[in-house]
Amino acid sequence: MSNRIHINFRDPRVFIVLFFVISLLFGLFARGGTTTTSKNLTEAISCNQGEWSGSPYYTGDVSNCPDIVEYVFKPAFVNERAAELNIRFVTLPAGRFGSAMRNSGWVSETYFVDVDSTDASRLVNNDGSTSQGTTLRAKMSVRNALFYYPFDRYSGEIKAQAIAEVTKEEIPVTVIASDSTLSGWKLNFKEEKLPSAETSGKALYENGRATLFWSLSRANVVYIAVSILLILMLIALGSAFAITRSIARFKRPPSMNLLLWLATVLFAILQVRTNFPGNPPIGILLDFTVVFPVLGLLLMLGIANTFYWLNRTDWDYENENPELMKNA
C-alpha cells in the first residue's frame, strides 16, 4: 500500500494554509525597521544610595548622583535625498551640574557641549534653564553605496565633548542611545568603550570625549518589497513573450487590443520602478540588470506585434469577402 500524500491544489483549504504560512513568514522577517544596541547603552545611570560614594566623580550631591553629563542620541529620520541620517541629541546633567527630566534636564551649573557630525556645533547649557538639544545630520557618504540598492550600507560616527564654563574642566560623560526604530531601516549603535561595574554598568569617559558609532542598512521589508516588484516586472515580460510566441506560430491572431495591452504594460513598468521603497535615483544596479532589459524587451515585443498586426490579411474582411458577408 502506498503511503504517499496526495495534495489537491484545487482544494481551497490548500490556499488557506499557504496564506497563513506566507503571513507567518512576513511576520517573522518583514519587519518595518529595527534598531539594535547593547542593553547598557539604552539605559541611564542609576543613583542608588551609596552607589557612587567611593567614586572620585561623586562630591556629595543630595541626588546621590556623580558630577557627570549623559549624552542622549535618538534616531529621528533618514533624509534619502540629502543622504543624511538625522539624530536628535540632548544632554542630561547629573550631580552638581543638574538633574535629568523627562525629555531633557535642568541645569544647575553652566556647561558647553561641542558636537561633531556633518557640521560642528556648540550647545550652551546655561544655569537655571533646561539643557539644550539639536538635530544632528550624519552624512551617509559611503562611496557608490546607493548603486547596490537595496543592499546599500552606510556607517559613520558622532563625537561630542562636554566642558564646564567656570572651571573649563572636562566633564566626565556617559552615552545613551535610544532603540527607537526608523521605518524601512536597520540601525545599529555602538560606543567606543566597554561598560564597567564600577560605574553603574555604564562606560564612563573621564575626559568628556565620547564617540558613538552607527551603521545603517535597509530593513528586510524593503528586500521583500523590491523582490515582489521585480517579480511583477518579470511576470509581465513572460506574459508578453508567451503571447507573441503564440502569434508567431499562428496559434493566436494579432490584435489591436494586444498592442494596447503591451503599451499599457510598458508604461506600468515605469510606474513600478518609481514605487521602489525610498525612490532611488535612476542608474542603480537593478536598473541595468532588470529594469532596462525588461523595458527593452517589452519594446521589441511591441514592435514585433505591430509588425504581425500590420501583416494581417483579414483586416478588411467585409470588402475582401462580399459574398460571405451577404450570407452572414
Protein backbone atom coordinates (compact mmCIF):
# COMPACT_ATOMS: atom_id res chain seq x y z
CA MET A 1 0.00 0.00 0.00
CA SER A 2 1.34 3.41 -0.93
CA ASN A 3 1.84 5.93 1.85
CA ARG A 4 2.15 8.89 -0.45
CA ILE A 5 0.33 12.08 0.48
CA HIS A 6 -1.72 13.46 -2.38
CA ILE A 7 -2.39 17.20 -2.33
CA ASN A 8 -5.25 18.60 -4.35
CA PHE A 9 -4.13 22.12 -5.27
CA ARG A 10 -7.68 22.98 -6.30
CA ASP A 11 -8.84 22.49 -2.74
CA PRO A 12 -9.42 25.98 -1.20
CA ARG A 13 -8.02 24.70 2.10
CA VAL A 14 -4.59 24.44 0.47
CA PHE A 15 -4.68 28.13 -0.40
CA ILE A 16 -5.78 28.99 3.12
CA VAL A 17 -2.82 27.09 4.59
CA LEU A 18 -0.43 28.74 2.13
CA PHE A 19 -1.85 32.14 3.04
CA PHE A 20 -1.20 31.58 6.75
CA VAL A 21 2.32 30.24 6.08
CA ILE A 22 3.21 33.28 3.95
CA SER A 23 1.69 35.62 6.56
CA LEU A 24 3.78 33.92 9.26
CA LEU A 25 6.96 34.35 7.21
CA PHE A 26 6.15 38.02 6.66
CA GLY A 27 5.53 38.48 10.37
CA LEU A 28 8.88 36.92 11.25
CA PHE A 29 11.11 38.51 8.63
CA ALA A 30 9.33 41.52 7.10
CA ARG A 31 9.85 43.92 9.98
CA GLY A 32 9.44 47.58 9.10
CA GLY A 33 12.60 48.69 10.91
CA THR A 34 14.91 47.72 13.77
CA THR A 35 17.45 49.46 15.99
CA THR A 36 19.97 47.25 17.77
CA THR A 37 22.35 48.26 20.52
CA SER A 38 23.68 46.85 23.78
CA LYS A 39 21.35 46.93 26.78
CA ASN A 40 23.64 49.12 28.88
CA LEU A 41 23.75 51.69 26.07
CA THR A 42 19.98 52.22 26.23
CA GLU A 43 19.89 52.81 29.99
CA ALA A 44 20.74 55.86 32.07
CA ILE A 45 22.97 55.73 35.13
CA SER A 46 21.43 54.68 38.42
CA CYS A 47 21.89 56.79 41.55
CA ASN A 48 21.05 54.46 44.40
CA GLN A 49 22.01 55.30 47.96
CA GLY A 50 25.77 54.85 48.40
CA GLU A 51 26.31 53.51 44.89
CA TRP A 52 28.74 56.29 43.93
CA SER A 53 30.05 57.11 47.42
CA GLY A 54 33.53 55.74 46.69
CA SER A 55 33.79 57.31 43.25
CA PRO A 56 36.01 60.35 42.59
CA TYR A 57 33.16 61.76 40.49
CA TYR A 58 30.77 61.99 43.46
CA THR A 59 31.03 65.19 45.52
CA GLY A 60 28.17 64.67 47.95
CA ASP A 61 25.21 65.86 45.89
CA VAL A 62 21.86 65.14 47.57
CA SER A 63 20.68 63.25 44.48
CA ASN A 64 23.36 60.57 45.12
CA CYS A 65 24.46 61.05 41.50
CA PRO A 66 28.02 61.72 40.29
CA ASP A 67 29.02 65.01 38.68
CA ILE A 68 28.68 63.91 35.06
CA VAL A 69 26.70 64.63 31.90
CA GLU A 70 24.89 61.99 29.85
CA TYR A 71 24.66 62.25 26.06
CA VAL A 72 21.34 61.05 24.63
CA PHE A 73 21.10 60.08 20.94
CA LYS A 74 17.69 59.29 19.49
CA PRO A 75 17.09 58.33 15.80
CA ALA A 76 14.82 60.85 14.09
CA PHE A 77 14.55 60.04 10.36
CA VAL A 78 16.57 59.31 7.22
CA ASN A 79 16.70 62.01 4.55
CA GLU A 80 17.44 59.91 1.47
CA ARG A 81 17.52 62.85 -0.94
CA ALA A 82 20.25 64.53 1.09
CA ALA A 83 21.81 61.15 2.08
CA GLU A 84 21.67 62.05 5.78
CA LEU A 85 20.80 60.22 8.97
CA ASN A 86 19.13 62.66 11.36
CA ILE A 87 19.57 62.02 15.07
CA ARG A 88 18.10 64.00 17.95
CA PHE A 89 20.76 64.91 20.53
CA VAL A 90 20.26 66.22 24.08
CA THR A 91 22.23 66.12 27.34
CA LEU A 92 21.12 65.05 30.82
CA PRO A 93 23.15 66.69 33.61
CA ALA A 94 23.68 64.92 36.94
CA GLY A 95 25.19 65.77 40.32
CA ARG A 96 26.27 69.38 40.69
CA PHE A 97 25.55 70.06 37.01
CA GLY A 98 21.81 69.46 37.35
CA SER A 99 19.18 66.74 37.18
CA ALA A 100 17.54 64.73 34.42
CA MET A 101 13.92 65.31 33.43
CA ARG A 102 11.60 63.50 31.02
CA ASN A 103 12.96 64.79 27.72
CA SER A 104 15.88 66.98 28.79
CA GLY A 105 17.49 68.14 32.03
CA TRP A 106 17.57 71.03 34.48
CA VAL A 107 20.96 72.76 34.54
CA SER A 108 22.47 73.86 37.88
CA GLU A 109 25.93 74.79 36.58
CA THR A 110 26.61 76.10 33.09
CA TYR A 111 28.47 73.81 30.71
CA PHE A 112 29.19 73.58 26.97
CA VAL A 113 28.89 70.60 24.65
CA ASP A 114 30.73 70.52 21.31
CA VAL A 115 29.28 68.04 18.80
CA ASP A 116 30.90 66.95 15.55
CA SER A 117 28.91 65.06 12.90
CA THR A 118 28.38 66.52 9.41
CA ASP A 119 28.51 70.01 10.89
CA ALA A 120 30.23 71.07 14.11
CA SER A 121 28.07 72.87 16.68
CA ARG A 122 28.25 74.05 20.29
CA LEU A 123 25.36 73.74 22.72
CA VAL A 124 25.36 76.21 25.61
CA ASN A 125 23.52 74.89 28.67
CA ASN A 126 23.00 77.84 30.98
CA ASP A 127 22.49 77.66 34.72
CA GLY A 128 18.81 77.85 35.68
CA SER A 129 17.43 76.57 32.36
CA THR A 130 16.72 73.29 30.62
CA SER A 131 19.51 71.58 28.72
CA GLN A 132 19.65 72.34 25.02
CA GLY A 133 19.08 69.83 22.23
CA THR A 134 19.66 69.75 18.50
CA THR A 135 19.10 67.54 15.47
CA LEU A 136 22.39 66.19 14.15
CA ARG A 137 22.91 65.45 10.47
CA ALA A 138 25.18 62.44 9.94
CA LYS A 139 26.22 62.13 6.31
CA MET A 140 25.62 58.78 4.60
CA SER A 141 28.66 59.23 2.39
CA VAL A 142 29.89 55.72 1.61
CA ARG A 143 31.17 55.84 -1.97
CA ASN A 144 28.81 54.29 -4.57
CA ALA A 145 26.79 52.55 -1.83
CA LEU A 146 23.42 53.54 -3.34
CA PHE A 147 24.40 51.87 -6.63
CA TYR A 148 23.88 48.50 -4.91
CA TYR A 149 20.35 49.35 -3.67
CA PRO A 150 18.65 47.70 -1.77
CA PHE A 151 21.87 46.19 -0.38
CA ASP A 152 23.44 49.60 0.29
CA ARG A 153 25.10 50.03 3.67
CA TYR A 154 26.34 53.12 5.48
CA SER A 155 28.36 53.82 8.60
CA GLY A 156 29.76 56.77 10.50
CA GLU A 157 30.48 58.26 13.89
CA ILE A 158 29.44 61.20 16.07
CA LYS A 159 31.83 62.82 18.54
CA ALA A 160 30.93 65.06 21.49
CA GLN A 161 32.78 66.75 24.36
CA ALA A 162 31.48 68.47 27.49
CA ILE A 163 33.33 71.36 29.21
CA ALA A 164 32.38 73.29 32.36
CA GLU A 165 32.08 77.05 31.78
CA VAL A 166 33.60 78.32 35.07
CA THR A 167 36.47 75.91 35.64
CA LYS A 168 36.99 74.98 31.95
CA GLU A 169 37.42 71.39 33.11
CA GLU A 170 36.39 68.41 31.00
CA ILE A 171 33.22 66.84 32.40
CA PRO A 172 33.01 63.02 32.61
CA VAL A 173 30.22 61.72 30.39
CA THR A 174 28.26 58.58 29.54
CA VAL A 175 26.30 57.75 26.38
CA ILE A 176 22.65 56.74 25.94
CA ALA A 177 21.40 55.55 22.53
CA SER A 178 17.65 55.14 22.09
CA ASP A 179 16.42 51.94 20.44
CA SER A 180 13.51 53.67 18.68
CA THR A 181 13.16 52.43 15.11
CA LEU A 182 13.28 54.05 11.67
CA SER A 183 10.75 52.78 9.14
CA GLY A 184 12.46 50.78 6.41
CA TRP A 185 15.92 50.77 8.03
CA LYS A 186 18.11 48.62 10.25
CA LEU A 187 20.19 50.83 12.55
CA ASN A 188 22.96 49.74 14.87
CA PHE A 189 24.65 51.81 17.60
CA LYS A 190 27.95 51.00 19.27
CA GLU A 191 30.10 53.04 21.66
CA GLU A 192 33.86 53.29 21.94
CA LYS A 193 34.44 51.87 25.45
CA LEU A 194 33.12 48.85 27.28
CA PRO A 195 30.84 49.20 30.34
CA SER A 196 32.26 48.83 33.83
CA ALA A 197 30.65 47.54 37.01
CA GLU A 198 32.38 50.32 38.95
CA THR A 199 30.44 52.96 37.04
CA SER A 200 26.90 51.60 37.36
CA GLY A 201 27.29 49.29 34.36
CA LYS A 202 27.99 52.19 32.00
CA ALA A 203 31.07 53.17 30.03
CA LEU A 204 32.41 56.39 31.59
CA TYR A 205 34.54 58.81 29.57
CA GLU A 206 36.62 60.78 32.08
CA ASN A 207 37.87 63.37 29.57
CA GLY A 208 34.34 64.21 28.40
CA ARG A 209 35.03 62.99 24.85
CA ALA A 210 32.71 60.25 23.69
CA THR A 211 32.22 58.68 20.25
CA LEU A 212 29.07 56.93 19.07
CA PHE A 213 29.43 54.65 16.05
CA TRP A 214 26.44 53.91 13.83
CA SER A 215 25.73 51.64 10.86
CA LEU A 216 22.68 51.70 8.61
CA SER A 217 21.17 49.25 6.11
CA ARG A 218 17.77 48.51 4.57
CA ALA A 219 15.20 46.57 6.57
CA ASN A 220 14.03 43.11 5.50
CA VAL A 221 10.66 44.50 4.42
CA VAL A 222 12.44 46.59 1.76
CA TYR A 223 14.14 43.48 0.35
CA ILE A 224 10.77 41.73 0.15
CA ALA A 225 9.01 44.72 -1.42
CA VAL A 226 11.70 45.16 -4.09
CA SER A 227 11.67 41.43 -4.82
CA ILE A 228 7.88 41.47 -5.34
CA LEU A 229 8.11 44.45 -7.71
CA LEU A 230 10.88 42.77 -9.72
CA ILE A 231 8.84 39.56 -9.94
CA LEU A 232 5.91 41.60 -11.27
CA MET A 233 8.16 43.00 -13.99
CA LEU A 234 9.37 39.53 -14.98
CA ILE A 235 5.81 38.15 -15.00
CA ALA A 236 4.73 40.95 -17.35
CA LEU A 237 7.68 40.21 -19.62
CA GLY A 238 6.95 36.48 -19.58
CA SER A 239 3.29 37.05 -20.43
CA ALA A 240 4.17 39.35 -23.34
CA PHE A 241 6.74 36.85 -24.65
CA ALA A 242 4.29 33.92 -24.41
CA ILE A 243 1.57 35.79 -26.33
CA THR A 244 4.00 36.99 -29.00
CA ARG A 245 5.34 33.45 -29.41
CA SER A 246 1.80 32.13 -29.94
CA ILE A 247 1.17 34.78 -32.58
CA ALA A 248 4.45 33.99 -34.33
CA ARG A 249 3.41 30.30 -34.50
CA PHE A 250 -0.03 31.28 -35.87
CA LYS A 251 -1.82 29.89 -32.81
CA ARG A 252 -3.29 33.28 -31.94
CA PRO A 253 -4.22 36.22 -34.17
CA PRO A 254 -2.57 39.63 -33.68
CA SER A 255 -4.97 42.32 -32.48
CA MET A 256 -5.17 45.99 -31.63
CA ASN A 257 -6.21 45.09 -28.07
CA LEU A 258 -2.93 43.24 -27.61
CA LEU A 259 -0.96 46.25 -28.84
CA LEU A 260 -2.79 48.47 -26.36
CA TRP A 261 -2.10 45.96 -23.58
CA LEU A 262 1.63 45.90 -24.37
CA ALA A 263 1.75 49.71 -24.38
CA THR A 264 -0.01 49.77 -21.02
CA VAL A 265 2.40 47.20 -19.56
CA LEU A 266 5.38 49.18 -20.86
CA PHE A 267 4.28 52.34 -19.03
CA ALA A 268 3.22 50.31 -15.98
CA ILE A 269 6.81 49.05 -15.62
CA LEU A 270 7.97 52.67 -15.36
CA GLN A 271 5.41 53.27 -12.62
CA VAL A 272 6.53 50.13 -10.76
CA ARG A 273 10.12 51.42 -10.91
CA THR A 274 9.13 54.68 -9.23
CA ASN A 275 7.47 52.69 -6.42
CA PHE A 276 10.73 51.17 -5.21
CA PRO A 277 10.95 51.94 -1.45
CA GLY A 278 12.91 55.15 -0.95
CA ASN A 279 12.55 56.03 -4.66
CA PRO A 280 16.25 55.53 -5.52
CA PRO A 281 17.59 57.56 -8.48
CA ILE A 282 17.91 56.13 -11.98
CA GLY A 283 21.18 54.32 -12.53
CA ILE A 284 21.30 51.74 -9.73
CA LEU A 285 22.46 48.18 -10.38
CA LEU A 286 18.89 46.81 -10.59
CA ASP A 287 18.16 49.24 -13.45
CA PHE A 288 20.96 47.78 -15.58
CA THR A 289 20.29 44.15 -14.66
CA VAL A 290 16.46 44.02 -14.61
CA VAL A 291 14.52 47.23 -15.31
CA PHE A 292 16.23 48.41 -18.52
CA PRO A 293 16.39 44.89 -20.08
CA VAL A 294 12.69 44.33 -19.30
CA LEU A 295 11.75 47.69 -20.86
CA GLY A 296 13.89 46.98 -23.93
CA LEU A 297 12.46 43.50 -24.47
CA LEU A 298 8.87 44.74 -23.99
CA LEU A 299 9.53 47.44 -26.58
CA MET A 300 10.90 44.84 -29.02
CA LEU A 301 7.88 42.61 -28.42
CA GLY A 302 5.60 45.58 -29.03
CA ILE A 303 7.33 46.29 -32.35
CA ALA A 304 7.05 42.61 -33.32
CA ASN A 305 3.32 42.56 -32.53
CA THR A 306 2.86 45.74 -34.54
CA PHE A 307 4.55 44.02 -37.49
CA TYR A 308 2.29 40.96 -37.17
CA TRP A 309 -0.81 43.13 -36.88
CA LEU A 310 0.08 45.18 -39.99
CA ASN A 311 0.52 41.97 -41.96
CA ARG A 312 -2.90 40.56 -41.14
CA THR A 313 -4.82 39.57 -44.26
CA ASP A 314 -8.26 39.67 -42.67
CA TRP A 315 -8.24 43.28 -41.51
CA ASP A 316 -10.88 44.25 -44.16
CA TYR A 317 -12.90 41.09 -44.07
CA GLU A 318 -16.12 42.71 -45.34
CA ASN A 319 -14.57 44.23 -48.52
CA GLU A 320 -12.45 41.17 -49.37
CA ASN A 321 -15.33 38.70 -48.93
CA PRO A 322 -18.54 40.46 -50.02
CA GLU A 323 -20.29 37.18 -50.91
CA LEU A 324 -19.67 35.73 -47.50
CA MET A 325 -20.98 38.86 -45.83
CA LYS A 326 -24.24 38.61 -47.80
CA ASN A 327 -24.86 35.16 -46.43
CA ALA A 328 -23.81 36.05 -42.88
